[in-house]
Amino acid sequence: MGWPTIVIFVAGVINFALNRAVFDSRHPLLARLPQASRVLGARAALVTEFAILLIALMLAANGWPGFVWAYLAYTAANGVAAWLISAGKV
């Protein structure tokens, strides 16, 4: 296991935490959704996040170590979006 795999894994954990923070933020837009939609949306978001993480890990492990930069950019974009939602800027 090389450094790109470790970095992507740590960034993936951060992405899951950001995802959880957004769904726990009690944002008015999320509060308007029916409970079933919130649960289904949260699960779909986690499945999608896992798929992106798995693809990134597989690419990095199979000779694409530069892909770590793309995944870090994705994590940074998630961080900005989570901050905007949690802080009520959106």
PDB file of N, CA and C in Angstrom:
ATOM      1  N   MET A   1       0.860  -1.173   0.000  1.00  0.00           N
ATOM      2  CA  MET A   1       0.000   0.000   0.000  1.00  0.00           C
ATOM      3  C   MET A   1       0.901   1.229   0.000  1.00  0.00           C
ATOM      4  N   GLY A   2       0.762   2.054  -1.024  1.00  0.00           N
ATOM      5  CA  GLY A   2       1.604   3.232  -1.154  1.00  0.00           C
ATOM      6  C   GLY A   2       0.958   4.473  -0.576  1.00  0.00           C
ATOM      7  N   TRP A   3       1.697   5.557  -0.661  1.00  0.00           N
ATOM      8  CA  TRP A   3       1.199   6.809  -0.090  1.00  0.00           C
ATOM      9  C   TRP A   3      -0.061   7.318  -0.790  1.00  0.00           C
ATOM     10  N   PRO A   4      -0.229   7.149  -2.133  1.00  0.00           N
ATOM     11  CA  PRO A   4      -1.485   7.635  -2.731  1.00  0.00           C
ATOM     12  C   PRO A   4      -2.709   6.925  -2.156  1.00  0.00           C
ATOM     13  N   THR A   5      -2.581   5.635  -1.892  1.00  0.00           N
ATOM     14  CA  THR A   5      -3.700   4.885  -1.337  1.00  0.00           C
ATOM     15  C   THR A   5      -4.052   5.386   0.059  1.00  0.00           C
ATOM     16  N   ILE A   6      -3.043   5.650   0.854  1.00  0.00           N
ATOM     17  CA  ILE A   6      -3.273   6.135   2.217  1.00  0.00           C
ATOM     18  C   ILE A   6      -3.916   7.518   2.195  1.00  0.00           C
ATOM     19  N   VAL A   7      -3.407   8.394   1.330  1.00  0.00           N
ATOM     20  CA  VAL A   7      -3.946   9.756   1.244  1.00  0.00           C
ATOM     21  C   VAL A   7      -5.401   9.727   0.769  1.00  0.00           C
ATOM     22  N   ILE A   8      -5.694   8.905  -0.227  1.00  0.00           N
ATOM     23  CA  ILE A   8      -7.068   8.815  -0.727  1.00  0.00           C
ATOM     24  C   ILE A   8      -7.987   8.231   0.341  1.00  0.00           C
ATOM     25  N   PHE A   9      -7.505   7.232   1.081  1.00  0.00           N
ATOM     26  CA  PHE A   9      -8.324   6.647   2.139  1.00  0.00           C
ATOM     27  C   PHE A   9      -8.652   7.682   3.212  1.00  0.00           C
ATOM     28  N   VAL A  10      -7.654   8.452   3.637  1.00  0.00           N
ATOM     29  CA  VAL A  10      -7.884   9.483   4.663  1.00  0.00           C
ATOM     30  C   VAL A  10      -8.846  10.554   4.131  1.00  0.00           C
ATOM     31  N   ALA A  11      -8.654  10.956   2.876  1.00  0.00           N
ATOM     32  CA  ALA A  11      -9.569  11.934   2.280  1.00  0.00           C
ATOM     33  C   ALA A  11     -10.979  11.359   2.169  1.00  0.00           C
ATOM     34  N   GLY A  12     -11.091  10.059   1.923  1.00  0.00           N
ATOM     35  CA  GLY A  12     -12.400   9.416   1.869  1.00  0.00           C
ATOM     36  C   GLY A  12     -13.111   9.458   3.212  1.00  0.00           C
ATOM     37  N   VAL A  13     -12.354   9.234   4.283  1.00  0.00           N
ATOM     38  CA  VAL A  13     -12.932   9.330   5.627  1.00  0.00           C
ATOM     39  C   VAL A  13     -13.430  10.755   5.870  1.00  0.00           C
ATOM     40  N   ILE A  14     -12.656  11.725   5.437  1.00  0.00           N
ATOM     41  CA  ILE A  14     -13.061  13.130   5.574  1.00  0.00           C
ATOM     42  C   ILE A  14     -14.348  13.394   4.783  1.00  0.00           C
ATOM     43  N   ASN A  15     -14.435  12.840   3.572  1.00  0.00           N
ATOM     44  CA  ASN A  15     -15.643  13.027   2.760  1.00  0.00           C
ATOM     45  C   ASN A  15     -16.869  12.424   3.427  1.00  0.00           C
ATOM     46  N   PHE A  16     -16.720  11.249   4.025  1.00  0.00           N
ATOM     47  CA  PHE A  16     -17.851  10.653   4.733  1.00  0.00           C
ATOM     48  C   PHE A  16     -18.261  11.516   5.924  1.00  0.00           C
ATOM     49  N   ALA A  17     -17.283  12.075   6.624  1.00  0.00           N
ATOM     50  CA  ALA A  17     -17.591  12.951   7.765  1.00  0.00           C
ATOM     51  C   ALA A  17     -18.298  14.231   7.295  1.00  0.00           C
ATOM     52  N   LEU A  18     -17.852  14.786   6.184  1.00  0.00           N
ATOM     53  CA  LEU A  18     -18.510  15.975   5.634  1.00  0.00           C
ATOM     54  C   LEU A  18     -19.948  15.667   5.228  1.00  0.00           C
ATOM     55  N   ASN A  19     -20.132  14.504   4.620  1.00  0.00           N
ATOM     56  CA  ASN A  19     -21.463  14.077   4.221  1.00  0.00           C
ATOM     57  C   ASN A  19     -22.379  13.978   5.430  1.00  0.00           C
ATOM     58  N   ARG A  20     -21.880  13.381   6.493  1.00  0.00           N
ATOM     59  CA  ARG A  20     -22.665  13.236   7.725  1.00  0.00           C
ATOM     60  C   ARG A  20     -22.977  14.608   8.333  1.00  0.00           C
ATOM     61  N   ALA A  21     -22.003  15.509   8.295  1.00  0.00           N
ATOM     62  CA  ALA A  21     -22.206  16.844   8.859  1.00  0.00           C
ATOM     63  C   ALA A  21     -23.307  17.594   8.111  1.00  0.00           C
ATOM     64  N   VAL A  22     -23.357  17.436   6.814  1.00  0.00           N
ATOM     65  CA  VAL A  22     -24.396  18.115   6.026  1.00  0.00           C
ATOM     66  C   VAL A  22     -25.770  17.560   6.376  1.00  0.00           C
ATOM     67  N   PHE A  23     -25.893  16.246   6.464  1.00  0.00           N
ATOM     68  CA  PHE A  23     -27.202  15.673   6.766  1.00  0.00           C
ATOM     69  C   PHE A  23     -27.617  15.905   8.211  1.00  0.00           C
ATOM     70  N   ASP A  24     -26.675  16.160   9.095  1.00  0.00           N
ATOM     71  CA  ASP A  24     -26.997  16.479  10.492  1.00  0.00           C
ATOM     72  C   ASP A  24     -27.108  17.977  10.749  1.00  0.00           C
ATOM     73  N   SER A  25     -26.949  18.807   9.726  1.00  0.00           N
ATOM     74  CA  SER A  25     -26.893  20.260   9.904  1.00  0.00           C
ATOM     75  C   SER A  25     -28.248  20.912  10.144  1.00  0.00           C
ATOM     76  N   ARG A  26     -29.325  20.195   9.930  1.00  0.00           N
ATOM     77  CA  ARG A  26     -30.669  20.740  10.072  1.00  0.00           C
ATOM     78  C   ARG A  26     -30.899  21.951   9.152  1.00  0.00           C
ATOM     79  N   HIS A  27     -30.345  21.872   7.966  1.00  0.00           N
ATOM     80  CA  HIS A  27     -30.533  22.925   6.976  1.00  0.00           C
ATOM     81  C   HIS A  27     -32.015  22.983   6.596  1.00  0.00           C
ATOM     82  N   PRO A  28     -32.573  24.198   6.431  1.00  0.00           N
ATOM     83  CA  PRO A  28     -34.008  24.318   6.125  1.00  0.00           C
ATOM     84  C   PRO A  28     -34.441  23.548   4.873  1.00  0.00           C
ATOM     85  N   LEU A  29     -33.573  23.467   3.880  1.00  0.00           N
ATOM     86  CA  LEU A  29     -33.932  22.739   2.660  1.00  0.00           C
ATOM     87  C   LEU A  29     -34.103  21.247   2.957  1.00  0.00           C
ATOM     88  N   LEU A  30     -33.220  20.700   3.785  1.00  0.00           N
ATOM     89  CA  LEU A  30     -33.345  19.289   4.149  1.00  0.00           C
ATOM     90  C   LEU A  30     -34.537  19.062   5.068  1.00  0.00           C
ATOM     91  N   ALA A  31     -34.836  20.038   5.900  1.00  0.00           N
ATOM     92  CA  ALA A  31     -35.964  19.904   6.828  1.00  0.00           C
ATOM     93  C   ALA A  31     -37.303  19.864   6.089  1.00  0.00           C
ATOM     94  N   ARG A  32     -37.367  20.459   4.900  1.00  0.00           N
ATOM     95  CA  ARG A  32     -38.611  20.470   4.130  1.00  0.00           C
ATOM     96  C   ARG A  32     -38.908  19.136   3.461  1.00  0.00           C
ATOM     97  N   LEU A  33     -37.886  18.306   3.323  1.00  0.00           N
ATOM     98  CA  LEU A  33     -38.089  17.017   2.670  1.00  0.00           C
ATOM     99  C   LEU A  33     -38.836  16.061   3.589  1.00  0.00           C
ATOM    100  N   PRO A  34     -39.640  15.193   3.022  1.00  0.00           N
ATOM    101  CA  PRO A  34     -40.263  14.160   3.844  1.00  0.00           C
ATOM    102  C   PRO A  34     -39.191  13.234   4.436  1.00  0.00           C
ATOM    103  N   GLN A  35     -39.504  12.615   5.550  1.00  0.00           N
ATOM    104  CA  GLN A  35     -38.538  11.759   6.243  1.00  0.00           C
ATOM    105  C   GLN A  35     -38.019  10.648   5.329  1.00  0.00           C
ATOM    106  N   ALA A  36     -38.902  10.038   4.536  1.00  0.00           N
ATOM    107  CA  ALA A  36     -38.478   8.956   3.642  1.00  0.00           C
ATOM    108  C   ALA A  36     -37.461   9.457   2.619  1.00  0.00           C
ATOM    109  N   SER A  37     -37.658  10.664   2.110  1.00  0.00           N
ATOM    110  CA  SER A  37     -36.716  11.231   1.140  1.00  0.00           C
ATOM    111  C   SER A  37     -35.371  11.541   1.781  1.00  0.00           C
ATOM    112  N   ARG A  38     -35.391  12.004   3.022  1.00  0.00           N
ATOM    113  CA  ARG A  38     -34.128  12.291   3.720  1.00  0.00           C
ATOM    114  C   ARG A  38     -33.334  11.017   3.931  1.00  0.00           C
ATOM    115  N   VAL A  39     -34.009   9.960   4.363  1.00  0.00           N
ATOM    116  CA  VAL A  39     -33.318   8.690   4.611  1.00  0.00           C
ATOM    117  C   VAL A  39     -32.777   8.121   3.309  1.00  0.00           C
ATOM    118  N   LEU A  40     -33.615   8.105   2.273  1.00  0.00           N
ATOM    119  CA  LEU A  40     -33.186   7.579   0.984  1.00  0.00           C
ATOM    120  C   LEU A  40     -32.070   8.431   0.395  1.00  0.00           C
ATOM    121  N   GLY A  41     -32.174   9.743   0.518  1.00  0.00           N
ATOM    122  CA  GLY A  41     -31.133  10.632   0.007  1.00  0.00           C
ATOM    123  C   GLY A  41     -29.811  10.445   0.730  1.00  0.00           C
ATOM    124  N   ALA A  42     -29.862  10.274   2.040  1.00  0.00           N
ATOM    125  CA  ALA A  42     -28.632  10.062   2.809  1.00  0.00           C
ATOM    126  C   ALA A  42     -27.976   8.749   2.420  1.00  0.00           C
ATOM    127  N   ARG A  43     -28.780   7.708   2.258  1.00  0.00           N
ATOM    128  CA  ARG A  43     -28.216   6.413   1.852  1.00  0.00           C
ATOM    129  C   ARG A  43     -27.639   6.470   0.451  1.00  0.00           C
ATOM    130  N   ALA A  44     -28.348   7.123  -0.466  1.00  0.00           N
ATOM    131  CA  ALA A  44     -27.849   7.250  -1.840  1.00  0.00           C
ATOM    132  C   ALA A  44     -26.551   8.047  -1.879  1.00  0.00           C
ATOM    133  N   ALA A  45     -26.474   9.078  -1.054  1.00  0.00           N
ATOM    134  CA  ALA A  45     -25.249   9.880  -1.003  1.00  0.00           C
ATOM    135  C   ALA A  45     -24.078   9.052  -0.468  1.00  0.00           C
ATOM    136  N   LEU A  46     -24.329   8.238   0.546  1.00  0.00           N
ATOM    137  CA  LEU A  46     -23.262   7.394   1.095  1.00  0.00           C
ATOM    138  C   LEU A  46     -22.818   6.325   0.100  1.00  0.00           C
ATOM    139  N   VAL A  47     -23.749   5.739  -0.629  1.00  0.00           N
ATOM    140  CA  VAL A  47     -23.400   4.736  -1.636  1.00  0.00           C
ATOM    141  C   VAL A  47     -22.584   5.377  -2.751  1.00  0.00           C
ATOM    142  N   THR A  48     -22.999   6.563  -3.175  1.00  0.00           N
ATOM    143  CA  THR A  48     -22.254   7.275  -4.218  1.00  0.00           C
ATOM    144  C   THR A  48     -20.861   7.649  -3.736  1.00  0.00           C
ATOM    145  N   GLU A  49     -20.768   8.120  -2.506  1.00  0.00           N
ATOM    146  CA  GLU A  49     -19.466   8.475  -1.929  1.00  0.00           C
ATOM    147  C   GLU A  49     -18.550   7.257  -1.855  1.00  0.00           C
ATOM    148  N   PHE A  50     -19.116   6.113  -1.463  1.00  0.00           N
ATOM    149  CA  PHE A  50     -18.330   4.892  -1.403  1.00  0.00           C
ATOM    150  C   PHE A  50     -17.848   4.472  -2.789  1.00  0.00           C
ATOM    151  N   ALA A  51     -18.716   4.580  -3.797  1.00  0.00           N
ATOM    152  CA  ALA A  51     -18.330   4.208  -5.159  1.00  0.00           C
ATOM    153  C   ALA A  51     -17.195   5.096  -5.668  1.00  0.00           C
ATOM    154  N   ILE A  52     -17.272   6.387  -5.404  1.00  0.00           N
ATOM    155  CA  ILE A  52     -16.210   7.309  -5.832  1.00  0.00           C
ATOM    156  C   ILE A  52     -14.907   6.976  -5.112  1.00  0.00           C
ATOM    157  N   LEU A  53     -14.992   6.698  -3.809  1.00  0.00           N
ATOM    158  CA  LEU A  53     -13.800   6.328  -3.044  1.00  0.00           C
ATOM    159  C   LEU A  53     -13.192   5.034  -3.566  1.00  0.00           C
ATOM    160  N   LEU A  54     -14.015   4.040  -3.831  1.00  0.00           N
ATOM    161  CA  LEU A  54     -13.524   2.757  -4.327  1.00  0.00           C
ATOM    162  C   LEU A  54     -12.834   2.914  -5.677  1.00  0.00           C
ATOM    163  N   ILE A  55     -13.432   3.676  -6.567  1.00  0.00           N
ATOM    164  CA  ILE A  55     -12.822   3.906  -7.883  1.00  0.00           C
ATOM    165  C   ILE A  55     -11.495   4.639  -7.733  1.00  0.00           C
ATOM    166  N   ALA A  56     -11.452   5.640  -6.880  1.00  0.00           N
ATOM    167  CA  ALA A  56     -10.214   6.392  -6.669  1.00  0.00           C
ATOM    168  C   ALA A  56      -9.122   5.492  -6.093  1.00  0.00           C
ATOM    169  N   LEU A  57      -9.487   4.653  -5.130  1.00  0.00           N
ATOM    170  CA  LEU A  57      -8.505   3.734  -4.545  1.00  0.00           C
ATOM    171  C   LEU A  57      -8.005   2.723  -5.572  1.00  0.00           C
ATOM    172  N   MET A  58      -8.904   2.202  -6.394  1.00  0.00           N
ATOM    173  CA  MET A  58      -8.488   1.231  -7.408  1.00  0.00           C
ATOM    174  C   MET A  58      -7.580   1.865  -8.456  1.00  0.00           C
ATOM    175  N   LEU A  59      -7.885   3.087  -8.864  1.00  0.00           N
ATOM    176  CA  LEU A  59      -7.030   3.768  -9.835  1.00  0.00           C
ATOM    177  C   LEU A  59      -5.645   4.037  -9.252  1.00  0.00           C
ATOM    178  N   ALA A  60      -5.608   4.489  -8.016  1.00  0.00           N
ATOM    179  CA  ALA A  60      -4.314   4.780  -7.389  1.00  0.00           C
ATOM    180  C   ALA A  60      -3.492   3.515  -7.182  1.00  0.00           C
ATOM    181  N   ALA A  61      -4.160   2.424  -6.826  1.00  0.00           N
ATOM    182  CA  ALA A  61      -3.449   1.171  -6.568  1.00  0.00           C
ATOM    183  C   ALA A  61      -2.977   0.500  -7.856  1.00  0.00           C
ATOM    184  N   ASN A  62      -3.568   0.854  -8.982  1.00  0.00           N
ATOM    185  CA  ASN A  62      -3.225   0.214 -10.254  1.00  0.00           C
ATOM    186  C   ASN A  62      -2.457   1.125 -11.195  1.00  0.00           C
ATOM    187  N   GLY A  63      -1.582   1.939 -10.641  1.00  0.00           N
ATOM    188  CA  GLY A  63      -0.669   2.700 -11.485  1.00  0.00           C
ATOM    189  C   GLY A  63      -1.080   4.105 -11.846  1.00  0.00           C
ATOM    190  N   TRP A  64      -2.029   4.678 -11.163  1.00  0.00           N
ATOM    191  CA  TRP A  64      -2.440   6.057 -11.404  1.00  0.00           C
ATOM    192  C   TRP A  64      -2.233   6.886 -10.141  1.00  0.00           C
ATOM    193  N   PRO A  65      -1.016   7.019  -9.656  1.00  0.00           N
ATOM    194  CA  PRO A  65      -0.805   7.743  -8.396  1.00  0.00           C
ATOM    195  C   PRO A  65      -1.141   9.229  -8.497  1.00  0.00           C
ATOM    196  N   GLY A  66      -1.132   9.779  -9.685  1.00  0.00           N
ATOM    197  CA  GLY A  66      -1.486  11.184  -9.854  1.00  0.00           C
ATOM    198  C   GLY A  66      -2.957  11.460  -9.602  1.00  0.00           C
ATOM    199  N   PHE A  67      -3.760  10.402  -9.571  1.00  0.00           N
ATOM    200  CA  PHE A  67      -5.185  10.581  -9.343  1.00  0.00           C
ATOM    201  C   PHE A  67      -5.474  11.092  -7.943  1.00  0.00           C
ATOM    202  N   VAL A  68      -4.490  10.987  -7.058  1.00  0.00           N
ATOM    203  CA  VAL A  68      -4.672  11.484  -5.689  1.00  0.00           C
ATOM    204  C   VAL A  68      -4.978  12.981  -5.695  1.00  0.00           C
ATOM    205  N   TRP A  69      -4.402  13.720  -6.628  1.00  0.00           N
ATOM    206  CA  TRP A  69      -4.647  15.165  -6.697  1.00  0.00           C
ATOM    207  C   TRP A  69      -6.090  15.457  -7.096  1.00  0.00           C
ATOM    208  N   ALA A  70      -6.624  14.658  -8.008  1.00  0.00           N
ATOM    209  CA  ALA A  70      -8.024  14.850  -8.402  1.00  0.00           C
ATOM    210  C   ALA A  70      -8.951  14.549  -7.235  1.00  0.00           C
ATOM    211  N   TYR A  71      -8.647  13.507  -6.477  1.00  0.00           N
ATOM    212  CA  TYR A  71      -9.505  13.166  -5.343  1.00  0.00           C
ATOM    213  C   TYR A  71      -9.373  14.199  -4.228  1.00  0.00           C
ATOM    214  N   LEU A  72      -8.190  14.755  -4.053  1.00  0.00           N
ATOM    215  CA  LEU A  72      -8.028  15.827  -3.063  1.00  0.00           C
ATOM    216  C   LEU A  72      -8.790  17.081  -3.483  1.00  0.00           C
ATOM    217  N   ALA A  73      -8.827  17.371  -4.782  1.00  0.00           N
ATOM    218  CA  ALA A  73      -9.622  18.504  -5.273  1.00  0.00           C
ATOM    219  C   ALA A  73     -11.109  18.247  -5.036  1.00  0.00           C
ATOM    220  N   TYR A  74     -11.536  17.012  -5.248  1.00  0.00           N
ATOM    221  CA  TYR A  74     -12.924  16.631  -4.977  1.00  0.00           C
ATOM    222  C   TYR A  74     -13.242  16.791  -3.488  1.00  0.00           C
ATOM    223  N   THR A  75     -12.310  16.395  -2.631  1.00  0.00           N
ATOM    224  CA  THR A  75     -12.503  16.544  -1.190  1.00  0.00           C
ATOM    225  C   THR A  75     -12.576  18.020  -0.804  1.00  0.00           C
ATOM    226  N   ALA A  76     -11.731  18.843  -1.405  1.00  0.00           N
ATOM    227  CA  ALA A  76     -11.767  20.281  -1.120  1.00  0.00           C
ATOM    228  C   ALA A  76     -13.103  20.890  -1.553  1.00  0.00           C
ATOM    229  N   ALA A  77     -13.604  20.478  -2.720  1.00  0.00           N
ATOM    230  CA  ALA A  77     -14.903  20.975  -3.184  1.00  0.00           C
ATOM    231  C   ALA A  77     -16.024  20.528  -2.239  1.00  0.00           C
ATOM    232  N   ASN A  78     -15.949  19.282  -1.767  1.00  0.00           N
ATOM    233  CA  ASN A  78     -16.924  18.808  -0.783  1.00  0.00           C
ATOM    234  C   ASN A  78     -16.839  19.619   0.505  1.00  0.00           C
ATOM    235  N   GLY A  79     -15.637  19.949   0.921  1.00  0.00           N
ATOM    236  CA  GLY A  79     -15.450  20.737   2.138  1.00  0.00           C
ATOM    237  C   GLY A  79     -16.060  22.122   2.019  1.00  0.00           C
ATOM    238  N   VAL A  80     -15.854  22.758   0.878  1.00  0.00           N
ATOM    239  CA  VAL A  80     -16.428  24.088   0.658  1.00  0.00           C
ATOM    240  C   VAL A  80     -17.954  24.006   0.631  1.00  0.00           C
ATOM    241  N   ALA A  81     -18.491  23.001  -0.067  1.00  0.00           N
ATOM    242  CA  ALA A  81     -19.938  22.855  -0.133  1.00  0.00           C
ATOM    243  C   ALA A  81     -20.534  22.560   1.244  1.00  0.00           C
ATOM    244  N   ALA A  82     -19.874  21.703   2.003  1.00  0.00           N
ATOM    245  CA  ALA A  82     -20.373  21.384   3.346  1.00  0.00           C
ATOM    246  C   ALA A  82     -20.325  22.615   4.248  1.00  0.00           C
ATOM    247  N   TRP A  83     -19.273  23.410   4.121  1.00  0.00           N
ATOM    248  CA  TRP A  83     -19.181  24.627   4.924  1.00  0.00           C
ATOM    249  C   TRP A  83     -20.298  25.599   4.551  1.00  0.00           C
ATOM    250  N   LEU A  84     -20.547  25.755   3.254  1.00  0.00           N
ATOM    251  CA  LEU A  84     -21.594  26.665   2.805  1.00  0.00           C
ATOM    252  C   LEU A  84     -22.963  26.226   3.321  1.00  0.00           C
ATOM    253  N   ILE A  85     -23.222  24.939   3.293  1.00  0.00           N
ATOM    254  CA  ILE A  85     -24.518  24.434   3.753  1.00  0.00           C
ATOM    255  C   ILE A  85     -24.618  24.526   5.273  1.00  0.00           C
ATOM    256  N   SER A  86     -23.584  24.099   5.974  1.00  0.00           N
ATOM    257  CA  SER A  86     -23.619  24.089   7.450  1.00  0.00           C
ATOM    258  C   SER A  86     -23.647  25.487   8.033  1.00  0.00           C
ATOM    259  N   ALA A  87     -22.987  26.414   7.375  1.00  0.00           N
ATOM    260  CA  ALA A  87     -22.943  27.789   7.880  1.00  0.00           C
ATOM    261  C   ALA A  87     -24.176  28.600   7.477  1.00  0.00           C
ATOM    262  N   GLY A  88     -25.041  28.002   6.663  1.00  0.00           N
ATOM    263  CA  GLY A  88     -26.248  28.713   6.252  1.00  0.00           C
ATOM    264  C   GLY A  88     -26.019  29.731   5.164  1.00  0.00           C
ATOM    265  N   LYS A  89     -24.931  29.623   4.449  1.00  0.00           N
ATOM    266  CA  LYS A  89     -24.640  30.565   3.362  1.00  0.00           C
ATOM    267  C   LYS A  89     -25.458  30.258   2.114  1.00  0.00           C
ATOM    268  N   VAL A  90     -25.973  29.048   2.034  1.00  0.00           N
ATOM    269  CA  VAL A  90     -26.767  28.638   0.870  1.00  0.00           C
ATOM    270  C   VAL A  90     -28.182  28.417   1.305  1.00  0.00           C
TER     271      VAL A  90
END
